[in-house]
ModelCIF file with pLDDT and N, C-alpha, C, O atoms, coordinates in Angstrom:
data_MODEL
#
_entry.id   MODEL 
#
_entity.id                         1 
_entity.type                       polymer 
_entity.pdbx_number_of_molecules   1 
#
_entity_poly.entity_id                      1 
_entity_poly.type                           'polypeptide(L)' 
_entity_poly.nstd_linkage                   no 
_entity_poly.nstd_monomer                   no 
_entity_poly.pdbx_seq_one_letter_code       VQLVESGGGLVQAGGSLRLSCAASGFIFSSATMAWYRQAPG 
_entity_poly.pdbx_seq_one_letter_code_can   VQLVESGGGLVQAGGSLRLSCAASGFIFSSATMAWYRQAPG 
_entity_poly.pdbx_strand_id                 A 
#
loop_
_entity_poly_seq.entity_id 
_entity_poly_seq.num 
_entity_poly_seq.mon_id 
_entity_poly_seq.hetero 
1 1  VAL n 
1 2  GLN n 
1 3  LEU n 
1 4  VAL n 
1 5  GLU n 
1 6  SER n 
1 7  GLY n 
1 8  GLY n 
1 9  GLY n 
1 10 LEU n 
1 11 VAL n 
1 12 GLN n 
1 13 ALA n 
1 14 GLY n 
1 15 GLY n 
1 16 SER n 
1 17 LEU n 
1 18 ARG n 
1 19 LEU n 
1 20 SER n 
1 21 CYS n 
1 22 ALA n 
1 23 ALA n 
1 24 SER n 
1 25 GLY n 
1 26 PHE n 
1 27 ILE n 
1 28 PHE n 
1 29 SER n 
1 30 SER n 
1 31 ALA n 
1 32 THR n 
1 33 MET n 
1 34 ALA n 
1 35 TRP n 
1 36 TYR n 
1 37 ARG n 
1 38 GLN n 
1 39 ALA n 
1 40 PRO n 
1 41 GLY n 
#
_struct_asym.id          A 
_struct_asym.entity_id   1 
#
loop_
_ma_qa_metric.id 
_ma_qa_metric.mode 
_ma_qa_metric.name 
_ma_qa_metric.software_group_id 
_ma_qa_metric.type 
1 global pLDDT . pLDDT 
2 local  pLDDT . pLDDT 
#
_ma_qa_metric_global.metric_id      1 
_ma_qa_metric_global.metric_value   97.39 
_ma_qa_metric_global.model_id       1 
_ma_qa_metric_global.ordinal_id     1 
#
loop_
_ma_qa_metric_local.label_asym_id 
_ma_qa_metric_local.label_comp_id 
_ma_qa_metric_local.label_seq_id 
_ma_qa_metric_local.metric_id 
_ma_qa_metric_local.metric_value 
_ma_qa_metric_local.model_id 
_ma_qa_metric_local.ordinal_id 
A VAL 1  2 96.00 1 1  
A GLN 2  2 97.00 1 2  
A LEU 3  2 98.00 1 3  
A VAL 4  2 98.00 1 4  
A GLU 5  2 98.00 1 5  
A SER 6  2 98.00 1 6  
A GLY 7  2 98.00 1 7  
A GLY 8  2 98.00 1 8  
A GLY 9  2 98.00 1 9  
A LEU 10 2 98.00 1 10 
A VAL 11 2 98.00 1 11 
A GLN 12 2 98.00 1 12 
A ALA 13 2 98.00 1 13 
A GLY 14 2 98.00 1 14 
A GLY 15 2 98.00 1 15 
A SER 16 2 98.00 1 16 
A LEU 17 2 98.00 1 17 
A ARG 18 2 98.00 1 18 
A LEU 19 2 98.00 1 19 
A SER 20 2 98.00 1 20 
A CYS 21 2 98.00 1 21 
A ALA 22 2 98.00 1 22 
A ALA 23 2 98.00 1 23 
A SER 24 2 98.00 1 24 
A GLY 25 2 97.00 1 25 
A PHE 26 2 96.00 1 26 
A ILE 27 2 96.00 1 27 
A PHE 28 2 97.00 1 28 
A SER 29 2 96.00 1 29 
A SER 30 2 96.00 1 30 
A ALA 31 2 97.00 1 31 
A THR 32 2 98.00 1 32 
A MET 33 2 98.00 1 33 
A ALA 34 2 98.00 1 34 
A TRP 35 2 98.00 1 35 
A TYR 36 2 98.00 1 36 
A ARG 37 2 98.00 1 37 
A GLN 38 2 98.00 1 38 
A ALA 39 2 97.00 1 39 
A PRO 40 2 92.00 1 40 
A GLY 41 2 94.00 1 41 
#
loop_
_atom_site.group_PDB 
_atom_site.id 
_atom_site.type_symbol 
_atom_site.label_atom_id 
_atom_site.label_alt_id 
_atom_site.label_comp_id 
_atom_site.label_asym_id 
_atom_site.label_entity_id 
_atom_site.label_seq_id 
_atom_site.pdbx_PDB_ins_code 
_atom_site.Cartn_x 
_atom_site.Cartn_y 
_atom_site.Cartn_z 
_atom_site.occupancy 
_atom_site.B_iso_or_equiv 
_atom_site.pdbx_formal_charge 
_atom_site.auth_seq_id 
_atom_site.auth_comp_id 
_atom_site.auth_asym_id 
_atom_site.auth_atom_id 
_atom_site.pdbx_PDB_model_num 
ATOM 1   N N  . VAL A 1 1  ? -68.505 -106.456 -182.228 1.00 96.00 ? 1  VAL A N  1 
ATOM 2   C CA . VAL A 1 1  ? -68.827 -106.164 -180.765 1.00 96.00 ? 1  VAL A CA 1 
ATOM 3   C C  . VAL A 1 1  ? -67.887 -107.115 -179.984 1.00 96.00 ? 1  VAL A C  1 
ATOM 4   O O  . VAL A 1 1  ? -67.756 -108.307 -180.260 1.00 96.00 ? 1  VAL A O  1 
ATOM 5   N N  . GLN A 1 2  ? -67.246 -106.470 -178.982 1.00 97.00 ? 2  GLN A N  1 
ATOM 6   C CA . GLN A 1 2  ? -66.301 -107.243 -177.912 1.00 97.00 ? 2  GLN A CA 1 
ATOM 7   C C  . GLN A 1 2  ? -66.734 -106.723 -176.657 1.00 97.00 ? 2  GLN A C  1 
ATOM 8   O O  . GLN A 1 2  ? -67.166 -105.577 -176.534 1.00 97.00 ? 2  GLN A O  1 
ATOM 9   N N  . LEU A 1 3  ? -66.612 -107.661 -175.586 1.00 98.00 ? 3  LEU A N  1 
ATOM 10  C CA . LEU A 1 3  ? -66.659 -107.377 -174.246 1.00 98.00 ? 3  LEU A CA 1 
ATOM 11  C C  . LEU A 1 3  ? -65.658 -108.345 -173.671 1.00 98.00 ? 3  LEU A C  1 
ATOM 12  O O  . LEU A 1 3  ? -65.821 -109.564 -173.722 1.00 98.00 ? 3  LEU A O  1 
ATOM 13  N N  . VAL A 1 4  ? -64.623 -107.762 -173.126 1.00 98.00 ? 4  VAL A N  1 
ATOM 14  C CA . VAL A 1 4  ? -63.509 -108.536 -172.589 1.00 98.00 ? 4  VAL A CA 1 
ATOM 15  C C  . VAL A 1 4  ? -63.228 -108.253 -171.142 1.00 98.00 ? 4  VAL A C  1 
ATOM 16  O O  . VAL A 1 4  ? -62.744 -107.178 -170.790 1.00 98.00 ? 4  VAL A O  1 
ATOM 17  N N  . GLU A 1 5  ? -63.524 -109.200 -170.317 1.00 98.00 ? 5  GLU A N  1 
ATOM 18  C CA . GLU A 1 5  ? -63.458 -109.131 -168.866 1.00 98.00 ? 5  GLU A CA 1 
ATOM 19  C C  . GLU A 1 5  ? -61.730 -109.491 -168.471 1.00 98.00 ? 5  GLU A C  1 
ATOM 20  O O  . GLU A 1 5  ? -60.994 -110.244 -169.109 1.00 98.00 ? 5  GLU A O  1 
ATOM 21  N N  . SER A 1 6  ? -61.427 -108.808 -167.398 1.00 98.00 ? 6  SER A N  1 
ATOM 22  C CA . SER A 1 6  ? -60.188 -109.196 -166.728 1.00 98.00 ? 6  SER A CA 1 
ATOM 23  C C  . SER A 1 6  ? -60.235 -108.878 -165.267 1.00 98.00 ? 6  SER A C  1 
ATOM 24  O O  . SER A 1 6  ? -61.149 -108.219 -164.773 1.00 98.00 ? 6  SER A O  1 
ATOM 25  N N  . GLY A 1 7  ? -59.209 -109.372 -164.575 1.00 98.00 ? 7  GLY A N  1 
ATOM 26  C CA . GLY A 1 7  ? -59.054 -109.089 -163.127 1.00 98.00 ? 7  GLY A CA 1 
ATOM 27  C C  . GLY A 1 7  ? -59.609 -110.177 -162.067 1.00 98.00 ? 7  GLY A C  1 
ATOM 28  O O  . GLY A 1 7  ? -59.586 -109.990 -160.850 1.00 98.00 ? 7  GLY A O  1 
ATOM 29  N N  . GLY A 1 8  ? -60.103 -111.316 -162.683 1.00 98.00 ? 8  GLY A N  1 
ATOM 30  C CA . GLY A 1 8  ? -60.309 -112.333 -161.872 1.00 98.00 ? 8  GLY A CA 1 
ATOM 31  C C  . GLY A 1 8  ? -59.223 -113.092 -161.410 1.00 98.00 ? 8  GLY A C  1 
ATOM 32  O O  . GLY A 1 8  ? -58.103 -113.013 -161.915 1.00 98.00 ? 8  GLY A O  1 
ATOM 33  N N  . GLY A 1 9  ? -59.538 -113.897 -160.377 1.00 98.00 ? 9  GLY A N  1 
ATOM 34  C CA . GLY A 1 9  ? -58.396 -114.740 -159.790 1.00 98.00 ? 9  GLY A CA 1 
ATOM 35  C C  . GLY A 1 9  ? -58.721 -115.285 -158.494 1.00 98.00 ? 9  GLY A C  1 
ATOM 36  O O  . GLY A 1 9  ? -59.888 -115.251 -158.104 1.00 98.00 ? 9  GLY A O  1 
ATOM 37  N N  . LEU A 1 10 ? -57.731 -115.823 -157.734 1.00 98.00 ? 10 LEU A N  1 
ATOM 38  C CA . LEU A 1 10 ? -57.952 -116.364 -156.460 1.00 98.00 ? 10 LEU A CA 1 
ATOM 39  C C  . LEU A 1 10 ? -57.555 -115.545 -155.364 1.00 98.00 ? 10 LEU A C  1 
ATOM 40  O O  . LEU A 1 10 ? -56.403 -115.111 -155.329 1.00 98.00 ? 10 LEU A O  1 
ATOM 41  N N  . VAL A 1 11 ? -58.473 -115.253 -154.357 1.00 98.00 ? 11 VAL A N  1 
ATOM 42  C CA . VAL A 1 11 ? -58.357 -114.416 -153.197 1.00 98.00 ? 11 VAL A CA 1 
ATOM 43  C C  . VAL A 1 11 ? -58.867 -114.999 -152.053 1.00 98.00 ? 11 VAL A C  1 
ATOM 44  O O  . VAL A 1 11 ? -59.779 -115.820 -152.145 1.00 98.00 ? 11 VAL A O  1 
ATOM 45  N N  . GLN A 1 12 ? -58.346 -114.649 -150.874 1.00 98.00 ? 12 GLN A N  1 
ATOM 46  C CA . GLN A 1 12 ? -58.839 -115.293 -149.543 1.00 98.00 ? 12 GLN A CA 1 
ATOM 47  C C  . GLN A 1 12 ? -60.039 -114.523 -149.188 1.00 98.00 ? 12 GLN A C  1 
ATOM 48  O O  . GLN A 1 12 ? -60.198 -113.360 -149.558 1.00 98.00 ? 12 GLN A O  1 
ATOM 49  N N  . ALA A 1 13 ? -60.868 -115.160 -148.483 1.00 98.00 ? 13 ALA A N  1 
ATOM 50  C CA . ALA A 1 13 ? -62.100 -114.364 -147.857 1.00 98.00 ? 13 ALA A CA 1 
ATOM 51  C C  . ALA A 1 13 ? -61.616 -113.166 -147.049 1.00 98.00 ? 13 ALA A C  1 
ATOM 52  O O  . ALA A 1 13 ? -60.661 -113.164 -146.272 1.00 98.00 ? 13 ALA A O  1 
ATOM 53  N N  . GLY A 1 14 ? -62.378 -112.200 -147.337 1.00 98.00 ? 14 GLY A N  1 
ATOM 54  C CA . GLY A 1 14 ? -62.209 -110.867 -146.742 1.00 98.00 ? 14 GLY A CA 1 
ATOM 55  C C  . GLY A 1 14 ? -61.423 -110.016 -147.573 1.00 98.00 ? 14 GLY A C  1 
ATOM 56  O O  . GLY A 1 14 ? -61.263 -108.860 -147.182 1.00 98.00 ? 14 GLY A O  1 
ATOM 57  N N  . GLY A 1 15 ? -60.806 -110.441 -148.849 1.00 98.00 ? 15 GLY A N  1 
ATOM 58  C CA . GLY A 1 15 ? -59.992 -109.671 -149.751 1.00 98.00 ? 15 GLY A CA 1 
ATOM 59  C C  . GLY A 1 15 ? -60.871 -109.027 -150.689 1.00 98.00 ? 15 GLY A C  1 
ATOM 60  O O  . GLY A 1 15 ? -62.100 -109.095 -150.676 1.00 98.00 ? 15 GLY A O  1 
ATOM 61  N N  . SER A 1 16 ? -60.107 -108.360 -151.551 1.00 98.00 ? 16 SER A N  1 
ATOM 62  C CA . SER A 1 16 ? -60.858 -107.552 -152.570 1.00 98.00 ? 16 SER A CA 1 
ATOM 63  C C  . SER A 1 16 ? -60.188 -107.821 -153.968 1.00 98.00 ? 16 SER A C  1 
ATOM 64  O O  . SER A 1 16 ? -58.983 -108.036 -154.099 1.00 98.00 ? 16 SER A O  1 
ATOM 65  N N  . LEU A 1 17 ? -61.138 -107.782 -155.042 1.00 98.00 ? 17 LEU A N  1 
ATOM 66  C CA . LEU A 1 17 ? -60.682 -107.735 -156.402 1.00 98.00 ? 17 LEU A CA 1 
ATOM 67  C C  . LEU A 1 17 ? -61.285 -106.700 -157.212 1.00 98.00 ? 17 LEU A C  1 
ATOM 68  O O  . LEU A 1 17 ? -62.320 -106.181 -156.793 1.00 98.00 ? 17 LEU A O  1 
ATOM 69  N N  . ARG A 1 18 ? -60.805 -106.341 -158.272 1.00 98.00 ? 18 ARG A N  1 
ATOM 70  C CA . ARG A 1 18 ? -61.436 -105.270 -159.120 1.00 98.00 ? 18 ARG A CA 1 
ATOM 71  C C  . ARG A 1 18 ? -61.455 -105.817 -160.526 1.00 98.00 ? 18 ARG A C  1 
ATOM 72  O O  . ARG A 1 18 ? -60.441 -105.973 -161.207 1.00 98.00 ? 18 ARG A O  1 
ATOM 73  N N  . LEU A 1 19 ? -62.835 -106.131 -160.954 1.00 98.00 ? 19 LEU A N  1 
ATOM 74  C CA . LEU A 1 19 ? -62.992 -106.733 -162.239 1.00 98.00 ? 19 LEU A CA 1 
ATOM 75  C C  . LEU A 1 19 ? -63.095 -105.433 -163.405 1.00 98.00 ? 19 LEU A C  1 
ATOM 76  O O  . LEU A 1 19 ? -63.556 -104.335 -163.093 1.00 98.00 ? 19 LEU A O  1 
ATOM 77  N N  . SER A 1 20 ? -62.679 -105.699 -164.536 1.00 98.00 ? 20 SER A N  1 
ATOM 78  C CA . SER A 1 20 ? -62.582 -104.656 -165.675 1.00 98.00 ? 20 SER A CA 1 
ATOM 79  C C  . SER A 1 20 ? -63.265 -105.425 -166.803 1.00 98.00 ? 20 SER A C  1 
ATOM 80  O O  . SER A 1 20 ? -63.163 -106.638 -166.991 1.00 98.00 ? 20 SER A O  1 
ATOM 81  N N  . CYS A 1 21 ? -64.017 -104.510 -167.569 1.00 98.00 ? 21 CYS A N  1 
ATOM 82  C CA . CYS A 1 21 ? -64.600 -104.916 -168.915 1.00 98.00 ? 21 CYS A CA 1 
ATOM 83  C C  . CYS A 1 21 ? -64.329 -103.795 -169.983 1.00 98.00 ? 21 CYS A C  1 
ATOM 84  O O  . CYS A 1 21 ? -64.701 -102.625 -169.900 1.00 98.00 ? 21 CYS A O  1 
ATOM 85  N N  . ALA A 1 22 ? -63.608 -104.375 -171.006 1.00 98.00 ? 22 ALA A N  1 
ATOM 86  C CA . ALA A 1 22 ? -63.284 -103.360 -172.152 1.00 98.00 ? 22 ALA A CA 1 
ATOM 87  C C  . ALA A 1 22 ? -64.273 -103.673 -173.253 1.00 98.00 ? 22 ALA A C  1 
ATOM 88  O O  . ALA A 1 22 ? -64.362 -104.784 -173.777 1.00 98.00 ? 22 ALA A O  1 
ATOM 89  N N  . ALA A 1 23 ? -65.052 -102.562 -173.587 1.00 98.00 ? 23 ALA A N  1 
ATOM 90  C CA . ALA A 1 23 ? -66.008 -102.680 -174.522 1.00 98.00 ? 23 ALA A CA 1 
ATOM 91  C C  . ALA A 1 23 ? -65.688 -102.066 -175.856 1.00 98.00 ? 23 ALA A C  1 
ATOM 92  O O  . ALA A 1 23 ? -65.029 -101.026 -175.872 1.00 98.00 ? 23 ALA A O  1 
ATOM 93  N N  . SER A 1 24 ? -66.135 -102.670 -177.084 1.00 98.00 ? 24 SER A N  1 
ATOM 94  C CA . SER A 1 24 ? -65.751 -102.139 -178.275 1.00 98.00 ? 24 SER A CA 1 
ATOM 95  C C  . SER A 1 24 ? -66.954 -102.557 -179.370 1.00 98.00 ? 24 SER A C  1 
ATOM 96  O O  . SER A 1 24 ? -67.696 -103.519 -179.175 1.00 98.00 ? 24 SER A O  1 
ATOM 97  N N  . GLY A 1 25 ? -67.024 -101.818 -180.375 1.00 97.00 ? 25 GLY A N  1 
ATOM 98  C CA . GLY A 1 25 ? -68.052 -102.136 -181.442 1.00 97.00 ? 25 GLY A CA 1 
ATOM 99  C C  . GLY A 1 25 ? -69.418 -101.681 -181.396 1.00 97.00 ? 25 GLY A C  1 
ATOM 100 O O  . GLY A 1 25 ? -70.219 -102.012 -182.270 1.00 97.00 ? 25 GLY A O  1 
ATOM 101 N N  . PHE A 1 26 ? -69.745 -100.901 -180.376 1.00 96.00 ? 26 PHE A N  1 
ATOM 102 C CA . PHE A 1 26 ? -71.153 -100.354 -180.198 1.00 96.00 ? 26 PHE A CA 1 
ATOM 103 C C  . PHE A 1 26 ? -70.918 -98.970  -179.326 1.00 96.00 ? 26 PHE A C  1 
ATOM 104 O O  . PHE A 1 26 ? -69.866 -98.670  -178.761 1.00 96.00 ? 26 PHE A O  1 
ATOM 105 N N  . ILE A 1 27 ? -72.068 -98.238  -179.342 1.00 96.00 ? 27 ILE A N  1 
ATOM 106 C CA . ILE A 1 27 ? -71.940 -96.938  -178.854 1.00 96.00 ? 27 ILE A CA 1 
ATOM 107 C C  . ILE A 1 27 ? -72.135 -97.221  -177.274 1.00 96.00 ? 27 ILE A C  1 
ATOM 108 O O  . ILE A 1 27 ? -73.234 -97.464  -176.776 1.00 96.00 ? 27 ILE A O  1 
ATOM 109 N N  . PHE A 1 28 ? -70.923 -97.157  -176.554 1.00 97.00 ? 28 PHE A N  1 
ATOM 110 C CA . PHE A 1 28 ? -70.841 -97.690  -175.196 1.00 97.00 ? 28 PHE A CA 1 
ATOM 111 C C  . PHE A 1 28 ? -71.592 -96.701  -174.363 1.00 97.00 ? 28 PHE A C  1 
ATOM 112 O O  . PHE A 1 28 ? -72.233 -97.212  -173.445 1.00 97.00 ? 28 PHE A O  1 
ATOM 113 N N  . SER A 1 29 ? -71.657 -95.418  -174.474 1.00 96.00 ? 29 SER A N  1 
ATOM 114 C CA . SER A 1 29 ? -72.254 -94.328  -173.590 1.00 96.00 ? 29 SER A CA 1 
ATOM 115 C C  . SER A 1 29 ? -73.833 -94.363  -173.702 1.00 96.00 ? 29 SER A C  1 
ATOM 116 O O  . SER A 1 29 ? -74.496 -93.734  -172.877 1.00 96.00 ? 29 SER A O  1 
ATOM 117 N N  . SER A 1 30 ? -74.443 -95.084  -174.704 1.00 96.00 ? 30 SER A N  1 
ATOM 118 C CA . SER A 1 30 ? -75.789 -95.268  -174.806 1.00 96.00 ? 30 SER A CA 1 
ATOM 119 C C  . SER A 1 30 ? -76.257 -96.532  -174.224 1.00 96.00 ? 30 SER A C  1 
ATOM 120 O O  . SER A 1 30 ? -77.462 -96.782  -174.225 1.00 96.00 ? 30 SER A O  1 
ATOM 121 N N  . ALA A 1 31 ? -75.287 -97.458  -173.659 1.00 97.00 ? 31 ALA A N  1 
ATOM 122 C CA . ALA A 1 31 ? -75.646 -98.817  -173.324 1.00 97.00 ? 31 ALA A CA 1 
ATOM 123 C C  . ALA A 1 31 ? -75.753 -98.995  -171.782 1.00 97.00 ? 31 ALA A C  1 
ATOM 124 O O  . ALA A 1 31 ? -74.963 -98.440  -171.018 1.00 97.00 ? 31 ALA A O  1 
ATOM 125 N N  . THR A 1 32 ? -76.779 -99.804  -171.357 1.00 98.00 ? 32 THR A N  1 
ATOM 126 C CA . THR A 1 32 ? -76.701 -100.061 -170.018 1.00 98.00 ? 32 THR A CA 1 
ATOM 127 C C  . THR A 1 32 ? -75.854 -101.355 -169.694 1.00 98.00 ? 32 THR A C  1 
ATOM 128 O O  . THR A 1 32 ? -76.030 -102.420 -170.286 1.00 98.00 ? 32 THR A O  1 
ATOM 129 N N  . MET A 1 33 ? -75.015 -101.180 -168.801 1.00 98.00 ? 33 MET A N  1 
ATOM 130 C CA . MET A 1 33 ? -73.936 -102.191 -168.649 1.00 98.00 ? 33 MET A CA 1 
ATOM 131 C C  . MET A 1 33 ? -74.242 -102.997 -167.330 1.00 98.00 ? 33 MET A C  1 
ATOM 132 O O  . MET A 1 33 ? -74.827 -102.477 -166.380 1.00 98.00 ? 33 MET A O  1 
ATOM 133 N N  . ALA A 1 34 ? -73.843 -104.191 -167.336 1.00 98.00 ? 34 ALA A N  1 
ATOM 134 C CA . ALA A 1 34 ? -74.121 -105.022 -165.978 1.00 98.00 ? 34 ALA A CA 1 
ATOM 135 C C  . ALA A 1 34 ? -73.134 -106.051 -165.700 1.00 98.00 ? 34 ALA A C  1 
ATOM 136 O O  . ALA A 1 34 ? -72.377 -106.423 -166.596 1.00 98.00 ? 34 ALA A O  1 
ATOM 137 N N  . TRP A 1 35 ? -73.088 -106.490 -164.645 1.00 98.00 ? 35 TRP A N  1 
ATOM 138 C CA . TRP A 1 35 ? -72.159 -107.725 -164.254 1.00 98.00 ? 35 TRP A CA 1 
ATOM 139 C C  . TRP A 1 35 ? -73.285 -108.762 -163.618 1.00 98.00 ? 35 TRP A C  1 
ATOM 140 O O  . TRP A 1 35 ? -74.168 -108.494 -162.803 1.00 98.00 ? 35 TRP A O  1 
ATOM 141 N N  . TYR A 1 36 ? -72.979 -110.024 -164.243 1.00 98.00 ? 36 TYR A N  1 
ATOM 142 C CA . TYR A 1 36 ? -73.742 -111.248 -163.792 1.00 98.00 ? 36 TYR A CA 1 
ATOM 143 C C  . TYR A 1 36 ? -72.595 -112.250 -163.341 1.00 98.00 ? 36 TYR A C  1 
ATOM 144 O O  . TYR A 1 36 ? -71.405 -112.085 -163.609 1.00 98.00 ? 36 TYR A O  1 
ATOM 145 N N  . ARG A 1 37 ? -73.061 -113.190 -162.701 1.00 98.00 ? 37 ARG A N  1 
ATOM 146 C CA . ARG A 1 37 ? -72.310 -114.343 -162.214 1.00 98.00 ? 37 ARG A CA 1 
ATOM 147 C C  . ARG A 1 37 ? -72.960 -115.728 -162.240 1.00 98.00 ? 37 ARG A C  1 
ATOM 148 O O  . ARG A 1 37 ? -74.161 -115.880 -162.016 1.00 98.00 ? 37 ARG A O  1 
ATOM 149 N N  . GLN A 1 38 ? -72.116 -116.742 -162.523 1.00 98.00 ? 38 GLN A N  1 
ATOM 150 C CA . GLN A 1 38 ? -72.728 -118.027 -162.533 1.00 98.00 ? 38 GLN A CA 1 
ATOM 151 C C  . GLN A 1 38 ? -71.784 -119.016 -161.790 1.00 98.00 ? 38 GLN A C  1 
ATOM 152 O O  . GLN A 1 38 ? -70.603 -119.146 -162.111 1.00 98.00 ? 38 GLN A O  1 
ATOM 153 N N  . ALA A 1 39 ? -72.380 -119.709 -160.769 1.00 97.00 ? 39 ALA A N  1 
ATOM 154 C CA . ALA A 1 39 ? -71.530 -120.761 -160.079 1.00 97.00 ? 39 ALA A CA 1 
ATOM 155 C C  . ALA A 1 39 ? -71.825 -122.114 -160.766 1.00 97.00 ? 39 ALA A C  1 
ATOM 156 O O  . ALA A 1 39 ? -72.766 -122.242 -161.550 1.00 97.00 ? 39 ALA A O  1 
ATOM 157 N N  . PRO A 1 40 ? -71.043 -123.046 -160.464 1.00 92.00 ? 40 PRO A N  1 
ATOM 158 C CA . PRO A 1 40 ? -71.439 -124.296 -161.084 1.00 92.00 ? 40 PRO A CA 1 
ATOM 159 C C  . PRO A 1 40 ? -72.758 -124.983 -160.525 1.00 92.00 ? 40 PRO A C  1 
ATOM 160 O O  . PRO A 1 40 ? -72.947 -125.130 -159.318 1.00 92.00 ? 40 PRO A O  1 
ATOM 161 N N  . GLY A 1 41 ? -73.632 -125.382 -161.482 1.00 94.00 ? 41 GLY A N  1 
ATOM 162 C CA . GLY A 1 41 ? -74.859 -126.075 -161.202 1.00 94.00 ? 41 GLY A CA 1 
ATOM 163 C C  . GLY A 1 41 ? -75.891 -124.885 -160.861 1.00 94.00 ? 41 GLY A C  1 
ATOM 164 O O  . GLY A 1 41 ? -77.059 -125.145 -160.571 1.00 94.00 ? 41 GLY A O  1 
#
């Protein structure tokens, strides 16, 4: 099973980014997918 994120980086306030996650090793169409985030501390 692999989940590989891409698209992160440095952006100015008000800007945009598009994150991508490539999945493999399981039946993707049957899965609930989510994005989480964690800031330091």
